[in-house]
Amino acid sequence: MALSRREIVKDVVQQSTEAAIGSAGHVVAILFETARKITNEIGAFGTEIFEIAEASKRAGLDAEDTHPVAD
Protein backbone atom coordinates (compact mmCIF):
# COMPACT_ATOMS: atom_id res chain seq x y z
CA MET A 1 0.00 0.00 0.00
CA ALA A 2 1.36 3.37 -1.06
CA LEU A 3 1.50 6.31 1.31
CA SER A 4 -0.96 9.10 0.68
CA ARG A 5 0.29 12.61 -0.08
CA ARG A 6 -1.02 13.83 3.31
CA GLU A 7 0.86 11.09 5.17
CA ILE A 8 4.07 11.94 3.34
CA VAL A 9 3.66 15.63 4.21
CA LYS A 10 2.94 14.69 7.84
CA ASP A 11 6.13 12.60 7.98
CA VAL A 12 8.20 15.41 6.44
CA VAL A 13 6.81 17.95 8.91
CA GLN A 14 7.36 15.56 11.83
CA GLN A 15 10.96 14.73 10.87
CA SER A 16 11.78 18.36 10.12
CA THR A 17 10.37 19.45 13.47
CA GLU A 18 12.32 16.75 15.31
CA ALA A 19 15.52 17.80 13.52
CA ALA A 20 14.93 21.46 14.35
CA ILE A 21 14.25 20.69 18.02
CA GLY A 22 17.36 18.50 18.21
CA SER A 23 19.51 21.24 16.69
CA ALA A 24 18.00 23.88 18.96
CA GLY A 25 18.70 21.65 21.95
CA HIS A 26 22.35 21.34 20.94
CA VAL A 27 22.66 25.10 20.49
CA VAL A 28 21.07 25.75 23.89
CA ALA A 29 23.43 23.23 25.50
CA ILE A 30 26.39 25.04 23.92
CA LEU A 31 25.11 28.39 25.16
CA PHE A 32 24.55 27.09 28.70
CA GLU A 33 28.03 25.53 28.80
CA THR A 34 29.54 28.76 27.52
CA ALA A 35 27.64 30.80 30.12
CA ARG A 36 28.84 28.42 32.84
CA LYS A 37 32.46 28.77 31.71
CA ILE A 38 32.20 32.56 31.54
CA THR A 39 30.69 32.68 35.04
CA ASN A 40 33.48 30.44 36.31
CA GLU A 41 36.15 32.70 34.78
CA ILE A 42 34.56 35.85 36.19
CA GLY A 43 34.47 34.21 39.62
CA ALA A 44 38.13 33.21 39.34
CA PHE A 45 39.02 36.77 38.34
CA GLY A 46 37.12 38.13 41.34
CA THR A 47 38.97 35.74 43.63
CA GLU A 48 42.29 36.93 42.22
CA ILE A 49 41.30 40.56 42.80
CA PHE A 50 40.43 39.80 46.45
CA GLU A 51 43.74 37.96 46.89
CA ILE A 52 45.67 40.88 45.37
CA ALA A 53 43.86 43.35 47.62
CA GLU A 54 44.62 41.23 50.71
CA ALA A 55 48.28 40.86 49.72
CA SER A 56 48.51 44.60 49.17
CA LYS A 57 46.96 45.26 52.58
CA ARG A 58 49.38 42.82 54.25
CA ALA A 59 52.32 44.39 52.43
CA GLY A 60 51.24 47.83 53.61
CA LEU A 61 50.96 46.63 57.22
CA ASP A 62 54.36 44.93 56.99
CA ALA A 63 55.89 48.16 55.64
CA GLU A 64 54.37 50.14 58.52
CA ASP A 65 55.72 47.63 61.05
CA THR A 66 59.27 47.75 59.65
CA HIS A 67 59.34 51.53 59.04
CA PRO A 68 57.27 53.29 61.70
CA VAL A 69 56.25 56.81 60.78
CA ALA A 70 57.53 59.42 63.21
CA ASP A 71 55.01 62.05 64.23
PDB file of N, CA and C in Angstrom:
ATOM      1  N   MET A   1       0.841  -1.185   0.000  1.00  0.00           N
ATOM      2  CA  MET A   1       0.000   0.000   0.000  1.00  0.00           C
ATOM      3  C   MET A   1       0.880   1.240   0.000  1.00  0.00           C
ATOM      4  N   ALA A   2       0.593   2.130  -0.923  1.00  0.00           N
ATOM      5  CA  ALA A   2       1.361   3.370  -1.059  1.00  0.00           C
ATOM      6  C   ALA A   2       0.886   4.394  -0.039  1.00  0.00           C
ATOM      7  N   LEU A   3       1.832   5.235   0.360  1.00  0.00           N
ATOM      8  CA  LEU A   3       1.497   6.305   1.311  1.00  0.00           C
ATOM      9  C   LEU A   3       0.746   7.422   0.591  1.00  0.00           C
ATOM     10  N   SER A   4      -0.226   7.984   1.275  1.00  0.00           N
ATOM     11  CA  SER A   4      -0.960   9.104   0.682  1.00  0.00           C
ATOM     12  C   SER A   4      -0.098  10.366   0.755  1.00  0.00           C
ATOM     13  N   ARG A   5      -0.427  11.334  -0.052  1.00  0.00           N
ATOM     14  CA  ARG A   5       0.294  12.614  -0.076  1.00  0.00           C
ATOM     15  C   ARG A   5       0.258  13.260   1.307  1.00  0.00           C
ATOM     16  N   ARG A   6      -0.884  13.217   1.979  1.00  0.00           N
ATOM     17  CA  ARG A   6      -1.019  13.826   3.311  1.00  0.00           C
ATOM     18  C   ARG A   6      -0.120  13.137   4.321  1.00  0.00           C
ATOM     19  N   GLU A   7       0.001  11.820   4.233  1.00  0.00           N
ATOM     20  CA  GLU A   7       0.857  11.093   5.173  1.00  0.00           C
ATOM     21  C   GLU A   7       2.328  11.418   4.929  1.00  0.00           C
ATOM     22  N   ILE A   8       2.703  11.558   3.674  1.00  0.00           N
ATOM     23  CA  ILE A   8       4.074  11.939   3.342  1.00  0.00           C
ATOM     24  C   ILE A   8       4.378  13.331   3.894  1.00  0.00           C
ATOM     25  N   VAL A   9       3.471  14.263   3.697  1.00  0.00           N
ATOM     26  CA  VAL A   9       3.656  15.631   4.212  1.00  0.00           C
ATOM     27  C   VAL A   9       3.757  15.611   5.732  1.00  0.00           C
ATOM     28  N   LYS A  10       2.887  14.811   6.371  1.00  0.00           N
ATOM     29  CA  LYS A  10       2.939  14.689   7.842  1.00  0.00           C
ATOM     30  C   LYS A  10       4.292  14.174   8.290  1.00  0.00           C
ATOM     31  N   ASP A  11       4.835  13.169   7.630  1.00  0.00           N
ATOM     32  CA  ASP A  11       6.134  12.605   7.982  1.00  0.00           C
ATOM     33  C   ASP A  11       7.259  13.628   7.790  1.00  0.00           C
ATOM     34  N   VAL A  12       7.186  14.378   6.691  1.00  0.00           N
ATOM     35  CA  VAL A  12       8.201  15.405   6.435  1.00  0.00           C
ATOM     36  C   VAL A  12       8.151  16.478   7.515  1.00  0.00           C
ATOM     37  N   VAL A  13       6.964  16.930   7.863  1.00  0.00           N
ATOM     38  CA  VAL A  13       6.815  17.946   8.909  1.00  0.00           C
ATOM     39  C   VAL A  13       7.316  17.399  10.245  1.00  0.00           C
ATOM     40  N   GLN A  14       6.948  16.173  10.566  1.00  0.00           N
ATOM     41  CA  GLN A  14       7.363  15.559  11.830  1.00  0.00           C
ATOM     42  C   GLN A  14       8.880  15.444  11.900  1.00  0.00           C
ATOM     43  N   GLN A  15       9.505  14.910  10.865  1.00  0.00           N
ATOM     44  CA  GLN A  15      10.960  14.732  10.873  1.00  0.00           C
ATOM     45  C   GLN A  15      11.692  16.071  10.867  1.00  0.00           C
ATOM     46  N   SER A  16      11.170  17.032  10.142  1.00  0.00           N
ATOM     47  CA  SER A  16      11.782  18.361  10.122  1.00  0.00           C
ATOM     48  C   SER A  16      11.694  19.026  11.489  1.00  0.00           C
ATOM     49  N   THR A  17      10.553  18.879  12.137  1.00  0.00           N
ATOM     50  CA  THR A  17      10.372  19.451  13.474  1.00  0.00           C
ATOM     51  C   THR A  17      11.308  18.788  14.473  1.00  0.00           C
ATOM     52  N   GLU A  18      11.408  17.471  14.416  1.00  0.00           N
ATOM     53  CA  GLU A  18      12.319  16.752  15.311  1.00  0.00           C
ATOM     54  C   GLU A  18      13.767  17.185  15.092  1.00  0.00           C
ATOM     55  N   ALA A  19      14.158  17.356  13.830  1.00  0.00           N
ATOM     56  CA  ALA A  19      15.524  17.796  13.521  1.00  0.00           C
ATOM     57  C   ALA A  19      15.762  19.209  14.053  1.00  0.00           C
ATOM     58  N   ALA A  20      14.790  20.089  13.881  1.00  0.00           N
ATOM     59  CA  ALA A  20      14.930  21.464  14.354  1.00  0.00           C
ATOM     60  C   ALA A  20      15.035  21.509  15.875  1.00  0.00           C
ATOM     61  N   ILE A  21      14.210  20.723  16.554  1.00  0.00           N
ATOM     62  CA  ILE A  21      14.249  20.688  18.018  1.00  0.00           C
ATOM     63  C   ILE A  21      15.579  20.115  18.496  1.00  0.00           C
ATOM     64  N   GLY A  22      16.063  19.076  17.846  1.00  0.00           N
ATOM     65  CA  GLY A  22      17.364  18.501  18.205  1.00  0.00           C
ATOM     66  C   GLY A  22      18.488  19.507  18.043  1.00  0.00           C
ATOM     67  N   SER A  23      18.479  20.226  16.923  1.00  0.00           N
ATOM     68  CA  SER A  23      19.511  21.242  16.686  1.00  0.00           C
ATOM     69  C   SER A  23      19.402  22.379  17.698  1.00  0.00           C
ATOM     70  N   ALA A  24      18.193  22.814  17.974  1.00  0.00           N
ATOM     71  CA  ALA A  24      17.998  23.876  18.957  1.00  0.00           C
ATOM     72  C   ALA A  24      18.490  23.428  20.332  1.00  0.00           C
ATOM     73  N   GLY A  25      18.227  22.184  20.674  1.00  0.00           N
ATOM     74  CA  GLY A  25      18.702  21.647  21.948  1.00  0.00           C
ATOM     75  C   GLY A  25      20.212  21.665  22.040  1.00  0.00           C
ATOM     76  N   HIS A  26      20.891  21.309  20.961  1.00  0.00           N
ATOM     77  CA  HIS A  26      22.349  21.339  20.941  1.00  0.00           C
ATOM     78  C   HIS A  26      22.871  22.764  21.098  1.00  0.00           C
ATOM     79  N   VAL A  27      22.234  23.701  20.392  1.00  0.00           N
ATOM     80  CA  VAL A  27      22.656  25.105  20.486  1.00  0.00           C
ATOM     81  C   VAL A  27      22.457  25.618  21.909  1.00  0.00           C
ATOM     82  N   VAL A  28      21.326  25.313  22.511  1.00  0.00           N
ATOM     83  CA  VAL A  28      21.069  25.749  23.888  1.00  0.00           C
ATOM     84  C   VAL A  28      22.085  25.137  24.841  1.00  0.00           C
ATOM     85  N   ALA A  29      22.420  23.879  24.653  1.00  0.00           N
ATOM     86  CA  ALA A  29      23.425  23.232  25.504  1.00  0.00           C
ATOM     87  C   ALA A  29      24.778  23.933  25.366  1.00  0.00           C
ATOM     88  N   ILE A  30      25.141  24.311  24.149  1.00  0.00           N
ATOM     89  CA  ILE A  30      26.391  25.035  23.920  1.00  0.00           C
ATOM     90  C   ILE A  30      26.346  26.384  24.631  1.00  0.00           C
ATOM     91  N   LEU A  31      25.231  27.080  24.511  1.00  0.00           N
ATOM     92  CA  LEU A  31      25.106  28.391  25.160  1.00  0.00           C
ATOM     93  C   LEU A  31      25.181  28.273  26.678  1.00  0.00           C
ATOM     94  N   PHE A  32      24.510  27.283  27.256  1.00  0.00           N
ATOM     95  CA  PHE A  32      24.552  27.088  28.705  1.00  0.00           C
ATOM     96  C   PHE A  32      25.966  26.752  29.171  1.00  0.00           C
ATOM     97  N   GLU A  33      26.653  25.894  28.441  1.00  0.00           N
ATOM     98  CA  GLU A  33      28.027  25.529  28.802  1.00  0.00           C
ATOM     99  C   GLU A  33      28.944  26.748  28.713  1.00  0.00           C
ATOM    100  N   THR A  34      28.746  27.548  27.668  1.00  0.00           N
ATOM    101  CA  THR A  34      29.542  28.763  27.519  1.00  0.00           C
ATOM    102  C   THR A  34      29.258  29.740  28.658  1.00  0.00           C
ATOM    103  N   ALA A  35      27.998  29.917  29.009  1.00  0.00           N
ATOM    104  CA  ALA A  35      27.643  30.805  30.117  1.00  0.00           C
ATOM    105  C   ALA A  35      28.248  30.302  31.423  1.00  0.00           C
ATOM    106  N   ARG A  36      28.257  28.997  31.632  1.00  0.00           N
ATOM    107  CA  ARG A  36      28.845  28.417  32.844  1.00  0.00           C
ATOM    108  C   ARG A  36      30.342  28.693  32.892  1.00  0.00           C
ATOM    109  N   LYS A  37      31.022  28.517  31.759  1.00  0.00           N
ATOM    110  CA  LYS A  37      32.460  28.767  31.707  1.00  0.00           C
ATOM    111  C   LYS A  37      32.783  30.244  31.941  1.00  0.00           C
ATOM    112  N   ILE A  38      31.985  31.124  31.346  1.00  0.00           N
ATOM    113  CA  ILE A  38      32.198  32.559  31.535  1.00  0.00           C
ATOM    114  C   ILE A  38      31.999  32.931  33.003  1.00  0.00           C
ATOM    115  N   THR A  39      30.943  32.411  33.623  1.00  0.00           N
ATOM    116  CA  THR A  39      30.691  32.679  35.038  1.00  0.00           C
ATOM    117  C   THR A  39      31.841  32.176  35.891  1.00  0.00           C
ATOM    118  N   ASN A  40      32.352  31.004  35.580  1.00  0.00           N
ATOM    119  CA  ASN A  40      33.479  30.442  36.314  1.00  0.00           C
ATOM    120  C   ASN A  40      34.711  31.344  36.193  1.00  0.00           C
ATOM    121  N   GLU A  41      34.993  31.829  34.994  1.00  0.00           N
ATOM    122  CA  GLU A  41      36.151  32.695  34.779  1.00  0.00           C
ATOM    123  C   GLU A  41      35.991  34.030  35.501  1.00  0.00           C
ATOM    124  N   ILE A  42      34.796  34.592  35.487  1.00  0.00           N
ATOM    125  CA  ILE A  42      34.557  35.851  36.193  1.00  0.00           C
ATOM    126  C   ILE A  42      34.755  35.647  37.692  1.00  0.00           C
ATOM    127  N   GLY A  43      34.269  34.525  38.207  1.00  0.00           N
ATOM    128  CA  GLY A  43      34.468  34.208  39.623  1.00  0.00           C
ATOM    129  C   GLY A  43      35.931  34.047  39.969  1.00  0.00           C
ATOM    130  N   ALA A  44      36.695  33.384  39.108  1.00  0.00           N
ATOM    131  CA  ALA A  44      38.130  33.210  39.338  1.00  0.00           C
ATOM    132  C   ALA A  44      38.845  34.560  39.311  1.00  0.00           C
ATOM    133  N   PHE A  45      38.442  35.432  38.405  1.00  0.00           N
ATOM    134  CA  PHE A  45      39.023  36.767  38.340  1.00  0.00           C
ATOM    135  C   PHE A  45      38.718  37.546  39.621  1.00  0.00           C
ATOM    136  N   GLY A  46      37.483  37.462  40.093  1.00  0.00           N
ATOM    137  CA  GLY A  46      37.116  38.129  41.344  1.00  0.00           C
ATOM    138  C   GLY A  46      37.942  37.624  42.509  1.00  0.00           C
ATOM    139  N   THR A  47      38.149  36.322  42.564  1.00  0.00           N
ATOM    140  CA  THR A  47      38.971  35.737  43.634  1.00  0.00           C
ATOM    141  C   THR A  47      40.393  36.286  43.558  1.00  0.00           C
ATOM    142  N   GLU A  48      40.942  36.382  42.369  1.00  0.00           N
ATOM    143  CA  GLU A  48      42.291  36.932  42.222  1.00  0.00           C
ATOM    144  C   GLU A  48      42.346  38.382  42.691  1.00  0.00           C
ATOM    145  N   ILE A  49      41.334  39.161  42.376  1.00  0.00           N
ATOM    146  CA  ILE A  49      41.297  40.565  42.803  1.00  0.00           C
ATOM    147  C   ILE A  49      41.283  40.637  44.327  1.00  0.00           C
ATOM    148  N   PHE A  50      40.464  39.809  44.984  1.00  0.00           N
ATOM    149  CA  PHE A  50      40.432  39.797  46.451  1.00  0.00           C
ATOM    150  C   PHE A  50      41.788  39.399  47.016  1.00  0.00           C
ATOM    151  N   GLU A  51      42.430  38.405  46.414  1.00  0.00           N
ATOM    152  CA  GLU A  51      43.737  37.964  46.893  1.00  0.00           C
ATOM    153  C   GLU A  51      44.784  39.056  46.717  1.00  0.00           C
ATOM    154  N   ILE A  52      44.734  39.774  45.602  1.00  0.00           N
ATOM    155  CA  ILE A  52      45.671  40.878  45.371  1.00  0.00           C
ATOM    156  C   ILE A  52      45.437  41.981  46.388  1.00  0.00           C
ATOM    157  N   ALA A  53      44.177  42.304  46.636  1.00  0.00           N
ATOM    158  CA  ALA A  53      43.861  43.348  47.617  1.00  0.00           C
ATOM    159  C   ALA A  53      44.352  42.956  49.006  1.00  0.00           C
ATOM    160  N   GLU A  54      44.150  41.698  49.405  1.00  0.00           N
ATOM    161  CA  GLU A  54      44.624  41.227  50.706  1.00  0.00           C
ATOM    162  C   GLU A  54      46.145  41.262  50.788  1.00  0.00           C
ATOM    163  N   ALA A  55      46.810  40.837  49.732  1.00  0.00           N
ATOM    164  CA  ALA A  55      48.278  40.861  49.718  1.00  0.00           C
ATOM    165  C   ALA A  55      48.790  42.288  49.804  1.00  0.00           C
ATOM    166  N   SER A  56      48.120  43.194  49.126  1.00  0.00           N
ATOM    167  CA  SER A  56      48.509  44.600  49.173  1.00  0.00           C
ATOM    168  C   SER A  56      48.330  45.164  50.582  1.00  0.00           C
ATOM    169  N   LYS A  57      47.212  44.803  51.215  1.00  0.00           N
ATOM    170  CA  LYS A  57      46.961  45.259  52.577  1.00  0.00           C
ATOM    171  C   LYS A  57      48.030  44.713  53.525  1.00  0.00           C
ATOM    172  N   ARG A  58      48.353  43.428  53.395  1.00  0.00           N
ATOM    173  CA  ARG A  58      49.384  42.821  54.248  1.00  0.00           C
ATOM    174  C   ARG A  58      50.741  43.474  54.010  1.00  0.00           C
ATOM    175  N   ALA A  59      51.048  43.744  52.750  1.00  0.00           N
ATOM    176  CA  ALA A  59      52.322  44.386  52.425  1.00  0.00           C
ATOM    177  C   ALA A  59      52.382  45.784  53.039  1.00  0.00           C
ATOM    178  N   GLY A  60      51.285  46.500  53.001  1.00  0.00           N
ATOM    179  CA  GLY A  60      51.236  47.833  53.614  1.00  0.00           C
ATOM    180  C   GLY A  60      51.426  47.767  55.113  1.00  0.00           C
ATOM    181  N   LEU A  61      50.802  46.788  55.767  1.00  0.00           N
ATOM    182  CA  LEU A  61      50.957  46.627  57.215  1.00  0.00           C
ATOM    183  C   LEU A  61      52.383  46.229  57.560  1.00  0.00           C
ATOM    184  N   ASP A  62      52.975  45.333  56.756  1.00  0.00           N
ATOM    185  CA  ASP A  62      54.362  44.932  56.992  1.00  0.00           C
ATOM    186  C   ASP A  62      55.297  46.122  56.845  1.00  0.00           C
ATOM    187  N   ALA A  63      55.050  46.976  55.854  1.00  0.00           N
ATOM    188  CA  ALA A  63      55.888  48.155  55.643  1.00  0.00           C
ATOM    189  C   ALA A  63      55.777  49.110  56.823  1.00  0.00           C
ATOM    190  N   GLU A  64      54.561  49.261  57.365  1.00  0.00           N
ATOM    191  CA  GLU A  64      54.371  50.136  58.523  1.00  0.00           C
ATOM    192  C   GLU A  64      55.083  49.577  59.749  1.00  0.00           C
ATOM    193  N   ASP A  65      55.072  48.267  59.904  1.00  0.00           N
ATOM    194  CA  ASP A  65      55.721  47.634  61.050  1.00  0.00           C
ATOM    195  C   ASP A  65      57.237  47.764  60.978  1.00  0.00           C
ATOM    196  N   THR A  66      57.808  47.698  59.779  1.00  0.00           N
ATOM    197  CA  THR A  66      59.272  47.753  59.650  1.00  0.00           C
ATOM    198  C   THR A  66      59.782  49.181  59.567  1.00  0.00           C
ATOM    199  N   HIS A  67      58.951  50.119  59.148  1.00  0.00           N
ATOM    200  CA  HIS A  67      59.344  51.528  59.044  1.00  0.00           C
ATOM    201  C   HIS A  67      58.286  52.396  59.704  1.00  0.00           C
ATOM    202  N   PRO A  68      58.291  52.475  61.038  1.00  0.00           N
ATOM    203  CA  PRO A  68      57.266  53.291  61.700  1.00  0.00           C
ATOM    204  C   PRO A  68      57.416  54.744  61.305  1.00  0.00           C
ATOM    205  N   VAL A  69      56.284  55.385  61.147  1.00  0.00           N
ATOM    206  CA  VAL A  69      56.252  56.806  60.779  1.00  0.00           C
ATOM    207  C   VAL A  69      56.393  57.628  62.039  1.00  0.00           C
ATOM    208  N   ALA A  70      57.330  58.552  62.047  1.00  0.00           N
ATOM    209  CA  ALA A  70      57.530  59.421  63.213  1.00  0.00           C
ATOM    210  C   ALA A  70      56.600  60.601  63.108  1.00  0.00           C
ATOM    211  N   ASP A  71      55.944  60.899  64.231  1.00  0.00           N
ATOM    212  CA  ASP A  71      55.013  62.046  64.235  1.00  0.00           C
ATOM    213  C   ASP A  71      55.725  63.300  64.709  1.00  0.00           C
TER     214      ASP A  71
END
